[in-house]
Amino acid sequence: MSVRRTPPQALYEPQVGELVRDAKHGLTGEYQCPGFGKYPTVLLRPVGGGCEWETPASEIQPILPASQLEPALKGGPGGRPRGRGSA
């Protein structure tokens, strides 16, 4: 019996200094460079500086520009803010 394999997804390739989300560690960081691990990895640095960390390249995700986040911040299509005091 053979196992059906799905083709690998293309890895996201950010620009140096771009903010990305590290899904494995639940952190946001600035992309520094490709990593040096056995498998494709990247090096990220905390926003504002600090020690770099290495994470699998398959675990990084782009962060949406503010213009794409704006509707969510305003409360969606109706423009009503969500959260405390909105009933």
Foldseek 3Di string as FASTA:
>chain_A
DDDDDDDDDDFDDDDAQAWKAQQVVRAIFGWHAWDDDPATKTWTAHVPGDDIDIDHSNRIGHDDDVVVCVCVCLPHDVSHHDDPPDD
